[in-house]
N, C-alpha and C. Protein backbone atom coordinates (compact mmCIF):
# COMPACT_ATOMS: atom_id res chain seq x y z
N MET A 1 140.30 228.48 188.79
CA MET A 1 139.09 229.12 189.26
C MET A 1 138.93 228.85 190.75
N ALA A 2 138.55 229.84 191.48
CA ALA A 2 138.42 229.73 192.94
C ALA A 2 137.18 228.93 193.31
N ASN A 3 137.29 228.23 194.41
CA ASN A 3 136.18 227.45 194.93
C ASN A 3 135.20 228.39 195.63
N THR A 4 133.95 228.38 195.20
CA THR A 4 132.95 229.25 195.82
C THR A 4 131.87 228.44 196.53
N LYS A 5 132.05 227.13 196.60
CA LYS A 5 131.03 226.26 197.21
C LYS A 5 131.18 226.23 198.72
N THR A 6 130.06 226.08 199.40
CA THR A 6 130.07 225.86 200.84
C THR A 6 129.12 224.70 201.14
N THR A 7 129.29 224.10 202.29
CA THR A 7 128.42 223.01 202.71
C THR A 7 127.07 223.58 203.10
N GLY A 8 126.01 223.03 202.54
CA GLY A 8 124.66 223.47 202.86
C GLY A 8 124.23 223.01 204.25
N SER A 9 123.15 223.58 204.73
CA SER A 9 122.70 223.27 206.09
C SER A 9 122.28 221.81 206.25
N GLN A 10 121.66 221.22 205.24
CA GLN A 10 121.24 219.82 205.34
C GLN A 10 122.46 218.90 205.40
N ALA A 11 123.45 219.14 204.55
CA ALA A 11 124.66 218.32 204.56
C ALA A 11 125.44 218.53 205.85
N ALA A 12 125.44 219.75 206.37
CA ALA A 12 126.13 220.03 207.64
C ALA A 12 125.46 219.28 208.79
N THR A 13 124.14 219.24 208.79
CA THR A 13 123.42 218.49 209.82
C THR A 13 123.74 217.00 209.71
N SER A 14 123.78 216.48 208.50
CA SER A 14 124.13 215.08 208.29
C SER A 14 125.55 214.80 208.77
N ALA A 15 126.47 215.70 208.46
CA ALA A 15 127.86 215.54 208.89
C ALA A 15 127.96 215.54 210.41
N SER A 16 127.24 216.42 211.05
CA SER A 16 127.26 216.50 212.51
C SER A 16 126.75 215.21 213.14
N LYS A 17 125.65 214.69 212.62
CA LYS A 17 125.08 213.44 213.14
C LYS A 17 126.02 212.27 212.90
N THR A 18 126.70 212.28 211.76
CA THR A 18 127.66 211.22 211.46
C THR A 18 128.82 211.25 212.45
N LEU A 19 129.32 212.44 212.75
CA LEU A 19 130.43 212.57 213.69
C LEU A 19 130.04 212.12 215.10
N GLN A 20 128.78 212.26 215.45
CA GLN A 20 128.32 211.88 216.78
C GLN A 20 128.03 210.38 216.91
N GLY A 21 127.95 209.68 215.78
CA GLY A 21 127.63 208.25 215.80
C GLY A 21 128.72 207.44 216.47
N LYS A 22 128.33 206.54 217.35
CA LYS A 22 129.29 205.72 218.08
C LYS A 22 129.93 204.63 217.21
N SER A 23 129.21 204.17 216.21
CA SER A 23 129.73 203.09 215.37
C SER A 23 130.22 203.58 214.01
N THR A 24 130.37 204.87 213.86
CA THR A 24 130.81 205.46 212.59
C THR A 24 132.29 205.19 212.37
N GLY A 25 132.64 204.76 211.15
CA GLY A 25 134.03 204.45 210.81
C GLY A 25 134.87 205.71 210.63
N ALA A 26 136.17 205.49 210.64
CA ALA A 26 137.12 206.61 210.54
C ALA A 26 136.98 207.36 209.21
N GLY A 27 136.79 206.65 208.11
CA GLY A 27 136.65 207.30 206.81
C GLY A 27 135.42 208.19 206.74
N SER A 28 134.33 207.70 207.32
CA SER A 28 133.10 208.48 207.35
C SER A 28 133.28 209.74 208.19
N LYS A 29 133.99 209.59 209.30
CA LYS A 29 134.22 210.75 210.16
C LYS A 29 135.16 211.76 209.50
N THR A 30 136.13 211.27 208.75
CA THR A 30 137.04 212.17 208.03
C THR A 30 136.28 212.99 207.00
N ALA A 31 135.46 212.31 206.21
CA ALA A 31 134.68 213.00 205.18
C ALA A 31 133.69 213.98 205.80
N SER A 32 133.04 213.55 206.88
CA SER A 32 132.06 214.41 207.54
C SER A 32 132.71 215.62 208.18
N GLY A 33 133.86 215.42 208.79
CA GLY A 33 134.58 216.54 209.40
C GLY A 33 135.01 217.56 208.36
N SER A 34 135.43 217.07 207.21
CA SER A 34 135.82 217.97 206.13
C SER A 34 134.62 218.78 205.64
N ALA A 35 133.50 218.10 205.44
CA ALA A 35 132.29 218.80 204.99
C ALA A 35 131.84 219.84 206.01
N LEU A 36 131.88 219.47 207.28
CA LEU A 36 131.43 220.38 208.33
C LEU A 36 132.35 221.59 208.44
N SER A 37 133.64 221.41 208.21
CA SER A 37 134.58 222.54 208.31
C SER A 37 134.38 223.55 207.18
N GLN A 38 133.70 223.14 206.13
CA GLN A 38 133.50 224.02 204.98
C GLN A 38 132.15 224.72 204.98
N THR A 39 131.45 224.65 206.09
CA THR A 39 130.18 225.36 206.22
C THR A 39 130.47 226.85 206.32
N GLY A 40 130.01 227.60 205.36
CA GLY A 40 130.23 229.05 205.37
C GLY A 40 131.67 229.47 205.12
N ALA A 41 132.46 228.58 204.52
CA ALA A 41 133.87 228.89 204.28
C ALA A 41 134.26 228.49 202.85
N PRO A 42 133.91 229.31 201.86
CA PRO A 42 134.18 228.94 200.47
C PRO A 42 135.67 228.85 200.12
N GLN A 43 136.52 229.43 200.94
CA GLN A 43 137.95 229.40 200.64
C GLN A 43 138.59 228.06 200.99
N LYS A 44 137.90 227.23 201.76
CA LYS A 44 138.46 225.94 202.16
C LYS A 44 138.20 224.88 201.10
N GLN A 45 139.17 223.97 200.96
CA GLN A 45 139.03 222.86 200.03
C GLN A 45 139.27 221.55 200.78
N THR A 46 138.66 220.50 200.28
CA THR A 46 138.86 219.17 200.85
C THR A 46 140.26 218.70 200.52
N SER A 47 140.97 218.18 201.51
CA SER A 47 142.31 217.65 201.29
C SER A 47 142.23 216.38 200.45
N PRO A 48 143.33 216.01 199.79
CA PRO A 48 143.31 214.77 199.00
C PRO A 48 142.96 213.53 199.84
N SER A 49 143.45 213.46 201.07
CA SER A 49 143.15 212.28 201.90
C SER A 49 141.67 212.26 202.29
N ALA A 50 141.09 213.42 202.59
CA ALA A 50 139.66 213.48 202.92
C ALA A 50 138.81 213.19 201.68
N ALA A 51 139.28 213.62 200.51
CA ALA A 51 138.55 213.33 199.27
C ALA A 51 138.55 211.84 198.98
N THR A 52 139.67 211.18 199.24
CA THR A 52 139.74 209.73 199.07
C THR A 52 138.78 209.03 200.03
N ALA A 53 138.76 209.48 201.27
CA ALA A 53 137.84 208.91 202.27
C ALA A 53 136.39 209.12 201.83
N ALA A 54 136.07 210.31 201.34
CA ALA A 54 134.71 210.60 200.89
C ALA A 54 134.32 209.72 199.71
N SER A 55 135.25 209.50 198.80
CA SER A 55 134.99 208.64 197.65
C SER A 55 134.67 207.21 198.10
N LYS A 56 135.44 206.71 199.05
CA LYS A 56 135.21 205.36 199.57
C LYS A 56 133.86 205.27 200.28
N VAL A 57 133.51 206.31 201.02
CA VAL A 57 132.22 206.36 201.72
C VAL A 57 131.08 206.27 200.71
N LEU A 58 131.19 207.00 199.61
CA LEU A 58 130.12 207.01 198.61
C LEU A 58 129.99 205.67 197.89
N ARG A 59 131.08 204.93 197.76
CA ARG A 59 131.05 203.65 197.06
C ARG A 59 130.67 202.47 197.96
N ASP A 60 130.73 202.67 199.26
CA ASP A 60 130.45 201.59 200.21
C ASP A 60 128.94 201.40 200.36
N GLY A 61 128.47 200.22 200.07
CA GLY A 61 127.04 199.92 200.14
C GLY A 61 126.47 199.93 201.55
N ARG A 62 127.33 199.87 202.57
CA ARG A 62 126.86 199.84 203.95
C ARG A 62 126.67 201.24 204.53
N THR A 63 127.08 202.25 203.81
CA THR A 63 127.04 203.63 204.31
C THR A 63 125.62 204.18 204.27
N SER A 64 125.24 204.87 205.34
CA SER A 64 123.89 205.46 205.42
C SER A 64 123.76 206.65 204.47
N ALA A 65 122.53 206.99 204.15
CA ALA A 65 122.26 208.13 203.27
C ALA A 65 122.78 209.43 203.90
N GLN A 66 122.67 209.54 205.20
CA GLN A 66 123.13 210.75 205.90
C GLN A 66 124.64 210.90 205.77
N THR A 67 125.38 209.81 205.90
CA THR A 67 126.83 209.86 205.76
C THR A 67 127.22 210.13 204.31
N LYS A 68 126.47 209.56 203.37
CA LYS A 68 126.76 209.81 201.96
C LYS A 68 126.51 211.27 201.60
N SER A 69 125.54 211.89 202.23
CA SER A 69 125.28 213.32 202.01
C SER A 69 126.50 214.14 202.41
N ALA A 70 127.04 213.84 203.56
CA ALA A 70 128.23 214.55 204.04
C ALA A 70 129.44 214.26 203.15
N GLY A 71 129.59 213.00 202.76
CA GLY A 71 130.70 212.62 201.89
C GLY A 71 130.63 213.29 200.53
N GLY A 72 129.42 213.37 199.98
CA GLY A 72 129.23 214.05 198.70
C GLY A 72 129.58 215.52 198.77
N SER A 73 129.20 216.14 199.87
CA SER A 73 129.53 217.55 200.05
C SER A 73 131.04 217.75 200.14
N ALA A 74 131.70 216.88 200.89
CA ALA A 74 133.16 216.98 201.01
C ALA A 74 133.82 216.80 199.65
N LEU A 75 133.34 215.83 198.88
CA LEU A 75 133.93 215.56 197.57
C LEU A 75 133.68 216.71 196.60
N ALA A 76 132.56 217.39 196.74
CA ALA A 76 132.26 218.53 195.87
C ALA A 76 133.22 219.69 196.11
N HIS A 77 133.86 219.73 197.27
CA HIS A 77 134.80 220.80 197.60
C HIS A 77 136.25 220.45 197.27
N ALA A 78 136.46 219.24 196.77
CA ALA A 78 137.82 218.81 196.45
C ALA A 78 138.28 219.49 195.16
N LYS A 79 139.56 219.76 195.11
CA LYS A 79 140.12 220.35 193.90
C LYS A 79 140.17 219.27 192.83
N GLY A 80 139.63 219.57 191.67
CA GLY A 80 139.60 218.59 190.58
C GLY A 80 140.96 218.45 189.93
N LYS A 81 141.13 217.36 189.20
CA LYS A 81 142.38 217.16 188.47
C LYS A 81 142.43 218.14 187.32
N GLU A 82 143.60 218.69 187.13
CA GLU A 82 143.74 219.70 186.07
C GLU A 82 144.55 219.17 184.93
């Protein structure tokens, strides 16, 4: 089944702010960049490496809610195991 999801405006804003953060880690930036690239682009999917980064971001207790929003969006665009 084709991916029809896109990143919503709130998650895109969160991703943008995460990318601009000076102390943001590489994994957070990877997940945020993936989410931001999928704004208005349902044909794009999160790469396996970006999905792994997003998963780690969501499990990390130090991650801000804004970064988790972007990570969740990126993970929602990942191709599921078949």
